Each structure stands twice: as C-alpha cells, then as structure tokens.
Amino acid sequence: MFNFRIITTADGNQIIDRSLKTPYNALTPTQMLEYTELDNQMAFMDRMERKAKQKAEHMRKLAKNPLYKMACMIGLI
C-alpha cells in the first residue's frame, strides 16, 4: 500500500495527497510504475530534507559552543 495518492484535477494538474493511501490492487500496471517511481523520489526527498534539518541542528548547537566561539574569534575557523 502506498502512503499517498495522486489526484488529477479538472485542469489536468496532478496533486500528491499524503493523507490518503492507495492499495496496490487499485492500480493498473502503468500506474503501479508511476507510483513506484514517485515513491522512490519522495523517499529520496524526505531523506535529503531530514539530512538538511540534522545539519542545521548541528550547526545551531555548534554555534552555541563556547570553544567554537573562541576559535572563531581567534580566527582558526
């Protein structure tokens, strides 16, 4: 079961709704390929977003570190 659903609007645009689930047996083989590819892309984007948040959190904690501040003042970093 996919944890999202692709909804096609009246003007032809497609929207990804993560609040809905899509069972495998409701998809045609072509749709299954599209959903699989989109699932992989969304997993990659989620992983990148999580890494960016972790890096920002690390930099925030590092900036509060008194030794880091002192190294910046001396000009080491």
PDB file of N, CA and C in Angstrom:
ATOM      1  N   MET A   1       0.847  -1.172   0.000  1.00  0.00           N
ATOM      2  CA  MET A   1       0.000   0.000   0.000  1.00  0.00           C
ATOM      3  C   MET A   1       0.892   1.236   0.000  1.00  0.00           C
ATOM      4  N   PHE A   2       0.626   2.141  -0.910  1.00  0.00           N
ATOM      5  CA  PHE A   2       1.367   3.394  -0.974  1.00  0.00           C
ATOM      6  C   PHE A   2       0.748   4.371   0.018  1.00  0.00           C
ATOM      7  N   ASN A   3       1.583   5.181   0.656  1.00  0.00           N
ATOM      8  CA  ASN A   3       1.117   6.130   1.667  1.00  0.00           C
ATOM      9  C   ASN A   3       0.783   7.493   1.071  1.00  0.00           C
ATOM     10  N   PHE A   4       0.385   7.508  -0.173  1.00  0.00           N
ATOM     11  CA  PHE A   4      -0.017   8.740  -0.842  1.00  0.00           C
ATOM     12  C   PHE A   4      -0.955   8.383  -1.984  1.00  0.00           C
ATOM     13  N   ARG A   5      -1.583   9.402  -2.528  1.00  0.00           N
ATOM     14  CA  ARG A   5      -2.451   9.196  -3.687  1.00  0.00           C
ATOM     15  C   ARG A   5      -2.230  10.354  -4.641  1.00  0.00           C
ATOM     16  N   ILE A   6      -2.179  10.047  -5.928  1.00  0.00           N
ATOM     17  CA  ILE A   6      -2.059  11.071  -6.959  1.00  0.00           C
ATOM     18  C   ILE A   6      -3.478  11.415  -7.398  1.00  0.00           C
ATOM     19  N   ILE A   7      -3.826  12.683  -7.268  1.00  0.00           N
ATOM     20  CA  ILE A   7      -5.159  13.149  -7.634  1.00  0.00           C
ATOM     21  C   ILE A   7      -5.019  14.059  -8.849  1.00  0.00           C
ATOM     22  N   THR A   8      -5.748  13.764  -9.904  1.00  0.00           N
ATOM     23  CA  THR A   8      -5.739  14.586 -11.111  1.00  0.00           C
ATOM     24  C   THR A   8      -6.889  15.583 -11.019  1.00  0.00           C
ATOM     25  N   THR A   9      -6.565  16.862 -11.161  1.00  0.00           N
ATOM     26  CA  THR A   9      -7.578  17.910 -11.083  1.00  0.00           C
ATOM     27  C   THR A   9      -8.256  18.078 -12.444  1.00  0.00           C
ATOM     28  N   ALA A  10      -9.285  18.903 -12.477  1.00  0.00           N
ATOM     29  CA  ALA A  10     -10.061  19.115 -13.701  1.00  0.00           C
ATOM     30  C   ALA A  10      -9.229  19.754 -14.804  1.00  0.00           C
ATOM     31  N   ASP A  11      -8.238  20.580 -14.434  1.00  0.00           N
ATOM     32  CA  ASP A  11      -7.419  21.235 -15.454  1.00  0.00           C
ATOM     33  C   ASP A  11      -6.212  20.394 -15.879  1.00  0.00           C
ATOM     34  N   GLY A  12      -6.110  19.163 -15.389  1.00  0.00           N
ATOM     35  CA  GLY A  12      -5.060  18.258 -15.827  1.00  0.00           C
ATOM     36  C   GLY A  12      -3.845  18.192 -14.920  1.00  0.00           C
ATOM     37  N   ASN A  13      -3.774  19.049 -13.923  1.00  0.00           N
ATOM     38  CA  ASN A  13      -2.655  19.013 -12.985  1.00  0.00           C
ATOM     39  C   ASN A  13      -2.806  17.825 -12.049  1.00  0.00           C
ATOM     40  N   GLN A  14      -1.681  17.343 -11.544  1.00  0.00           N
ATOM     41  CA  GLN A  14      -1.712  16.242 -10.601  1.00  0.00           C
ATOM     42  C   GLN A  14      -1.204  16.720  -9.248  1.00  0.00           C
ATOM     43  N   ILE A  15      -1.894  16.293  -8.198  1.00  0.00           N
ATOM     44  CA  ILE A  15      -1.570  16.679  -6.835  1.00  0.00           C
ATOM     45  C   ILE A  15      -1.264  15.409  -6.048  1.00  0.00           C
ATOM     46  N   ILE A  16      -0.241  15.448  -5.222  1.00  0.00           N
ATOM     47  CA  ILE A  16       0.090  14.320  -4.359  1.00  0.00           C
ATOM     48  C   ILE A  16      -0.510  14.596  -2.991  1.00  0.00           C
ATOM     49  N   ASP A  17      -1.383  13.707  -2.544  1.00  0.00           N
ATOM     50  CA  ASP A  17      -2.032  13.840  -1.239  1.00  0.00           C
ATOM     51  C   ASP A  17      -1.476  12.759  -0.322  1.00  0.00           C
ATOM     52  N   ARG A  18      -0.666  13.175   0.658  1.00  0.00           N
ATOM     53  CA  ARG A  18      -0.041  12.216   1.561  1.00  0.00           C
ATOM     54  C   ARG A  18      -0.976  11.750   2.674  1.00  0.00           C
ATOM     55  N   SER A  19      -2.144  12.332   2.775  1.00  0.00           N
ATOM     56  CA  SER A  19      -3.072  11.920   3.829  1.00  0.00           C
ATOM     57  C   SER A  19      -3.904  10.710   3.411  1.00  0.00           C
ATOM     58  N   LEU A  20      -3.892  10.384   2.119  1.00  0.00           N
ATOM     59  CA  LEU A  20      -4.642   9.231   1.618  1.00  0.00           C
ATOM     60  C   LEU A  20      -3.685   8.092   1.295  1.00  0.00           C
ATOM     61  N   LYS A  21      -4.199   6.883   1.337  1.00  0.00           N
ATOM     62  CA  LYS A  21      -3.416   5.702   0.986  1.00  0.00           C
ATOM     63  C   LYS A  21      -3.978   5.091  -0.296  1.00  0.00           C
ATOM     64  N   THR A  22      -3.111   4.422  -1.057  1.00  0.00           N
ATOM     65  CA  THR A  22      -3.521   3.795  -2.304  1.00  0.00           C
ATOM     66  C   THR A  22      -3.147   2.311  -2.251  1.00  0.00           C
ATOM     67  N   PRO A  23      -4.120   1.422  -2.300  1.00  0.00           N
ATOM     68  CA  PRO A  23      -3.792  -0.013  -2.296  1.00  0.00           C
ATOM     69  C   PRO A  23      -3.217  -0.444  -3.648  1.00  0.00           C
ATOM     70  N   TYR A  24      -2.363  -1.450  -3.610  1.00  0.00           N
ATOM     71  CA  TYR A  24      -1.727  -1.937  -4.836  1.00  0.00           C
ATOM     72  C   TYR A  24      -2.751  -2.466  -5.837  1.00  0.00           C
ATOM     73  N   ASN A  25      -3.776  -3.146  -5.361  1.00  0.00           N
ATOM     74  CA  ASN A  25      -4.718  -3.776  -6.283  1.00  0.00           C
ATOM     75  C   ASN A  25      -5.640  -2.765  -6.974  1.00  0.00           C
ATOM     76  N   ALA A  26      -5.582  -1.495  -6.603  1.00  0.00           N
ATOM     77  CA  ALA A  26      -6.408  -0.472  -7.249  1.00  0.00           C
ATOM     78  C   ALA A  26      -5.697   0.168  -8.436  1.00  0.00           C
ATOM     79  N   LEU A  27      -4.463  -0.257  -8.708  1.00  0.00           N
ATOM     80  CA  LEU A  27      -3.666   0.382  -9.749  1.00  0.00           C
ATOM     81  C   LEU A  27      -3.499  -0.528 -10.963  1.00  0.00           C
ATOM     82  N   THR A  28      -3.445   0.111 -12.127  1.00  0.00           N
ATOM     83  CA  THR A  28      -3.105  -0.615 -13.344  1.00  0.00           C
ATOM     84  C   THR A  28      -1.580  -0.781 -13.369  1.00  0.00           C
ATOM     85  N   PRO A  29      -1.048  -1.634 -14.221  1.00  0.00           N
ATOM     86  CA  PRO A  29       0.416  -1.790 -14.272  1.00  0.00           C
ATOM     87  C   PRO A  29       1.161  -0.486 -14.574  1.00  0.00           C
ATOM     88  N   THR A  30       0.608   0.334 -15.447  1.00  0.00           N
ATOM     89  CA  THR A  30       1.241   1.619 -15.759  1.00  0.00           C
ATOM     90  C   THR A  30       1.234   2.540 -14.544  1.00  0.00           C
ATOM     91  N   GLN A  31       0.096   2.597 -13.860  1.00  0.00           N
ATOM     92  CA  GLN A  31       0.007   3.422 -12.659  1.00  0.00           C
ATOM     93  C   GLN A  31       0.944   2.896 -11.583  1.00  0.00           C
ATOM     94  N   MET A  32       1.090   1.588 -11.491  1.00  0.00           N
ATOM     95  CA  MET A  32       1.982   0.993 -10.498  1.00  0.00           C
ATOM     96  C   MET A  32       3.419   1.461 -10.720  1.00  0.00           C
ATOM     97  N   LEU A  33       3.850   1.534 -11.993  1.00  0.00           N
ATOM     98  CA  LEU A  33       5.189   2.042 -12.297  1.00  0.00           C
ATOM     99  C   LEU A  33       5.321   3.504 -11.882  1.00  0.00           C
ATOM    100  N   GLU A  34       4.304   4.314 -12.178  1.00  0.00           N
ATOM    101  CA  GLU A  34       4.335   5.728 -11.811  1.00  0.00           C
ATOM    102  C   GLU A  34       4.398   5.895 -10.290  1.00  0.00           C
ATOM    103  N   TYR A  35       3.569   5.139  -9.589  1.00  0.00           N
ATOM    104  CA  TYR A  35       3.537   5.231  -8.136  1.00  0.00           C
ATOM    105  C   TYR A  35       4.857   4.762  -7.525  1.00  0.00           C
ATOM    106  N   THR A  36       5.439   3.709  -8.087  1.00  0.00           N
ATOM    107  CA  THR A  36       6.711   3.204  -7.574  1.00  0.00           C
ATOM    108  C   THR A  36       7.815   4.231  -7.761  1.00  0.00           C
ATOM    109  N   GLU A  37       7.873   4.824  -8.942  1.00  0.00           N
ATOM    110  CA  GLU A  37       8.887   5.843  -9.220  1.00  0.00           C
ATOM    111  C   GLU A  37       8.684   7.057  -8.305  1.00  0.00           C
ATOM    112  N   LEU A  38       7.458   7.476  -8.148  1.00  0.00           N
ATOM    113  CA  LEU A  38       7.165   8.623  -7.289  1.00  0.00           C
ATOM    114  C   LEU A  38       7.484   8.312  -5.829  1.00  0.00           C
ATOM    115  N   ASP A  39       7.218   7.093  -5.409  1.00  0.00           N
ATOM    116  CA  ASP A  39       7.529   6.680  -4.041  1.00  0.00           C
ATOM    117  C   ASP A  39       9.035   6.755  -3.802  1.00  0.00           C
ATOM    118  N   ASN A  40       9.825   6.301  -4.767  1.00  0.00           N
ATOM    119  CA  ASN A  40      11.286   6.384  -4.648  1.00  0.00           C
ATOM    120  C   ASN A  40      11.761   7.830  -4.585  1.00  0.00           C
ATOM    121  N   GLN A  41      11.193   8.684  -5.427  1.00  0.00           N
ATOM    122  CA  GLN A  41      11.583  10.092  -5.442  1.00  0.00           C
ATOM    123  C   GLN A  41      11.213  10.785  -4.129  1.00  0.00           C
ATOM    124  N   MET A  42      10.031  10.469  -3.616  1.00  0.00           N
ATOM    125  CA  MET A  42       9.604  11.093  -2.359  1.00  0.00           C
ATOM    126  C   MET A  42      10.465  10.614  -1.199  1.00  0.00           C
ATOM    127  N   ALA A  43      10.856   9.350  -1.202  1.00  0.00           N
ATOM    128  CA  ALA A  43      11.729   8.829  -0.147  1.00  0.00           C
ATOM    129  C   ALA A  43      13.081   9.536  -0.198  1.00  0.00           C
ATOM    130  N   PHE A  44      13.605   9.762  -1.395  1.00  0.00           N
ATOM    131  CA  PHE A  44      14.876  10.464  -1.554  1.00  0.00           C
ATOM    132  C   PHE A  44      14.761  11.914  -1.066  1.00  0.00           C
ATOM    133  N   MET A  45      13.674  12.587  -1.431  1.00  0.00           N
ATOM    134  CA  MET A  45      13.472  13.975  -0.997  1.00  0.00           C
ATOM    135  C   MET A  45      13.315  14.051   0.521  1.00  0.00           C
ATOM    136  N   ASP A  46      12.600  13.103   1.108  1.00  0.00           N
ATOM    137  CA  ASP A  46      12.443  13.081   2.564  1.00  0.00           C
ATOM    138  C   ASP A  46      13.793  12.881   3.252  1.00  0.00           C
ATOM    139  N   ARG A  47      14.622  11.999   2.680  1.00  0.00           N
ATOM    140  CA  ARG A  47      15.939  11.740   3.245  1.00  0.00           C
ATOM    141  C   ARG A  47      16.810  12.999   3.170  1.00  0.00           C
ATOM    142  N   MET A  48      16.764  13.702   2.036  1.00  0.00           N
ATOM    143  CA  MET A  48      17.536  14.938   1.889  1.00  0.00           C
ATOM    144  C   MET A  48      17.060  16.004   2.871  1.00  0.00           C
ATOM    145  N   GLU A  49      15.745  16.114   3.043  1.00  0.00           N
ATOM    146  CA  GLU A  49      15.189  17.089   3.975  1.00  0.00           C
ATOM    147  C   GLU A  49      15.615  16.770   5.409  1.00  0.00           C
ATOM    148  N   ARG A  50      15.595  15.496   5.765  1.00  0.00           N
ATOM    149  CA  ARG A  50      15.987  15.079   7.113  1.00  0.00           C
ATOM    150  C   ARG A  50      17.468  15.386   7.360  1.00  0.00           C
ATOM    151  N   LYS A  51      18.325  15.141   6.340  1.00  0.00           N
ATOM    152  CA  LYS A  51      19.743  15.432   6.483  1.00  0.00           C
ATOM    153  C   LYS A  51      19.986  16.928   6.619  1.00  0.00           C
ATOM    154  N   ALA A  52      19.243  17.736   5.881  1.00  0.00           N
ATOM    155  CA  ALA A  52      19.396  19.194   5.972  1.00  0.00           C
ATOM    156  C   ALA A  52      18.996  19.691   7.361  1.00  0.00           C
ATOM    157  N   LYS A  53      17.917  19.125   7.909  1.00  0.00           N
ATOM    158  CA  LYS A  53      17.492  19.513   9.256  1.00  0.00           C
ATOM    159  C   LYS A  53      18.538  19.107  10.293  1.00  0.00           C
ATOM    160  N   GLN A  54      19.116  17.915  10.133  1.00  0.00           N
ATOM    161  CA  GLN A  54      20.136  17.462  11.068  1.00  0.00           C
ATOM    162  C   GLN A  54      21.371  18.355  11.005  1.00  0.00           C
ATOM    163  N   LYS A  55      21.753  18.755   9.798  1.00  0.00           N
ATOM    164  CA  LYS A  55      22.920  19.624   9.653  1.00  0.00           C
ATOM    165  C   LYS A  55      22.646  20.998  10.267  1.00  0.00           C
ATOM    166  N   ALA A  56      21.442  21.528  10.051  1.00  0.00           N
ATOM    167  CA  ALA A  56      21.098  22.827  10.634  1.00  0.00           C
ATOM    168  C   ALA A  56      21.096  22.749  12.160  1.00  0.00           C
ATOM    169  N   GLU A  57      20.581  21.657  12.700  1.00  0.00           N
ATOM    170  CA  GLU A  57      20.573  21.463  14.150  1.00  0.00           C
ATOM    171  C   GLU A  57      21.999  21.349  14.678  1.00  0.00           C
ATOM    172  N   HIS A  58      22.850  20.643  13.962  1.00  0.00           N
ATOM    173  CA  HIS A  58      24.254  20.505  14.366  1.00  0.00           C
ATOM    174  C   HIS A  58      24.947  21.865  14.362  1.00  0.00           C
ATOM    175  N   MET A  59      24.722  22.652  13.320  1.00  0.00           N
ATOM    176  CA  MET A  59      25.350  23.976  13.240  1.00  0.00           C
ATOM    177  C   MET A  59      24.819  24.902  14.335  1.00  0.00           C
ATOM    178  N   ARG A  60      23.536  24.773  14.663  1.00  0.00           N
ATOM    179  CA  ARG A  60      22.972  25.592  15.731  1.00  0.00           C
ATOM    180  C   ARG A  60      23.618  25.255  17.064  1.00  0.00           C
ATOM    181  N   LYS A  61      23.797  23.958  17.328  1.00  0.00           N
ATOM    182  CA  LYS A  61      24.428  23.530  18.579  1.00  0.00           C
ATOM    183  C   LYS A  61      25.900  23.927  18.606  1.00  0.00           C
ATOM    184  N   LEU A  62      26.558  23.815  17.461  1.00  0.00           N
ATOM    185  CA  LEU A  62      27.966  24.170  17.380  1.00  0.00           C
ATOM    186  C   LEU A  62      28.170  25.661  17.621  1.00  0.00           C
ATOM    187  N   ALA A  63      27.276  26.483  17.106  1.00  0.00           N
ATOM    188  CA  ALA A  63      27.397  27.935  17.268  1.00  0.00           C
ATOM    189  C   ALA A  63      27.249  28.351  18.723  1.00  0.00           C
ATOM    190  N   LYS A  64      26.552  27.554  19.523  1.00  0.00           N
ATOM    191  CA  LYS A  64      26.397  27.870  20.941  1.00  0.00           C
ATOM    192  C   LYS A  64      27.588  27.407  21.778  1.00  0.00           C
ATOM    193  N   ASN A  65      28.438  26.581  21.201  1.00  0.00           N
ATOM    194  CA  ASN A  65      29.574  26.032  21.918  1.00  0.00           C
ATOM    195  C   ASN A  65      30.607  27.129  22.182  1.00  0.00           C
ATOM    196  N   PRO A  66      30.997  27.338  23.446  1.00  0.00           N
ATOM    197  CA  PRO A  66      31.954  28.409  23.751  1.00  0.00           C
ATOM    198  C   PRO A  66      33.329  28.189  23.112  1.00  0.00           C
ATOM    199  N   LEU A  67      33.768  26.947  22.978  1.00  0.00           N
ATOM    200  CA  LEU A  67      35.058  26.697  22.334  1.00  0.00           C
ATOM    201  C   LEU A  67      35.011  27.070  20.855  1.00  0.00           C
ATOM    202  N   TYR A  68      33.888  26.812  20.187  1.00  0.00           N
ATOM    203  CA  TYR A  68      33.726  27.182  18.783  1.00  0.00           C
ATOM    204  C   TYR A  68      33.742  28.705  18.635  1.00  0.00           C
ATOM    205  N   LYS A  69      33.050  29.397  19.557  1.00  0.00           N
ATOM    206  CA  LYS A  69      33.039  30.862  19.510  1.00  0.00           C
ATOM    207  C   LYS A  69      34.445  31.422  19.681  1.00  0.00           C
ATOM    208  N   MET A  70      35.189  30.830  20.607  1.00  0.00           N
ATOM    209  CA  MET A  70      36.546  31.299  20.861  1.00  0.00           C
ATOM    210  C   MET A  70      37.432  31.041  19.633  1.00  0.00           C
ATOM    211  N   ALA A  71      37.284  29.892  18.984  1.00  0.00           N
ATOM    212  CA  ALA A  71      38.072  29.590  17.793  1.00  0.00           C
ATOM    213  C   ALA A  71      37.749  30.563  16.677  1.00  0.00           C
ATOM    214  N   CYS A  72      36.490  30.970  16.572  1.00  0.00           N
ATOM    215  CA  CYS A  72      36.091  31.949  15.548  1.00  0.00           C
ATOM    216  C   CYS A  72      36.721  33.315  15.841  1.00  0.00           C
ATOM    217  N   MET A  73      36.733  33.678  17.108  1.00  0.00           N
ATOM    218  CA  MET A  73      37.298  34.982  17.490  1.00  0.00           C
ATOM    219  C   MET A  73      38.796  35.014  17.224  1.00  0.00           C
ATOM    220  N   ILE A  74      39.472  33.918  17.457  1.00  0.00           N
ATOM    221  CA  ILE A  74      40.910  33.865  17.228  1.00  0.00           C
ATOM    222  C   ILE A  74      41.218  33.822  15.734  1.00  0.00           C
ATOM    223  N   GLY A  75      40.302  33.293  14.963  1.00  0.00           N
ATOM    224  CA  GLY A  75      40.480  33.242  13.526  1.00  0.00           C
ATOM    225  C   GLY A  75      40.868  31.870  13.014  1.00  0.00           C
ATOM    226  N   LEU A  76      40.695  30.860  13.842  1.00  0.00           N
ATOM    227  CA  LEU A  76      41.010  29.499  13.416  1.00  0.00           C
ATOM    228  C   LEU A  76      39.966  28.952  12.452  1.00  0.00           C
ATOM    229  N   ILE A  77      38.745  29.420  12.592  1.00  0.00           N
ATOM    230  CA  ILE A  77      37.665  28.913  11.750  1.00  0.00           C
ATOM    231  C   ILE A  77      37.059  30.062  10.962  1.00  0.00           C
TER     232      ILE A  77
END
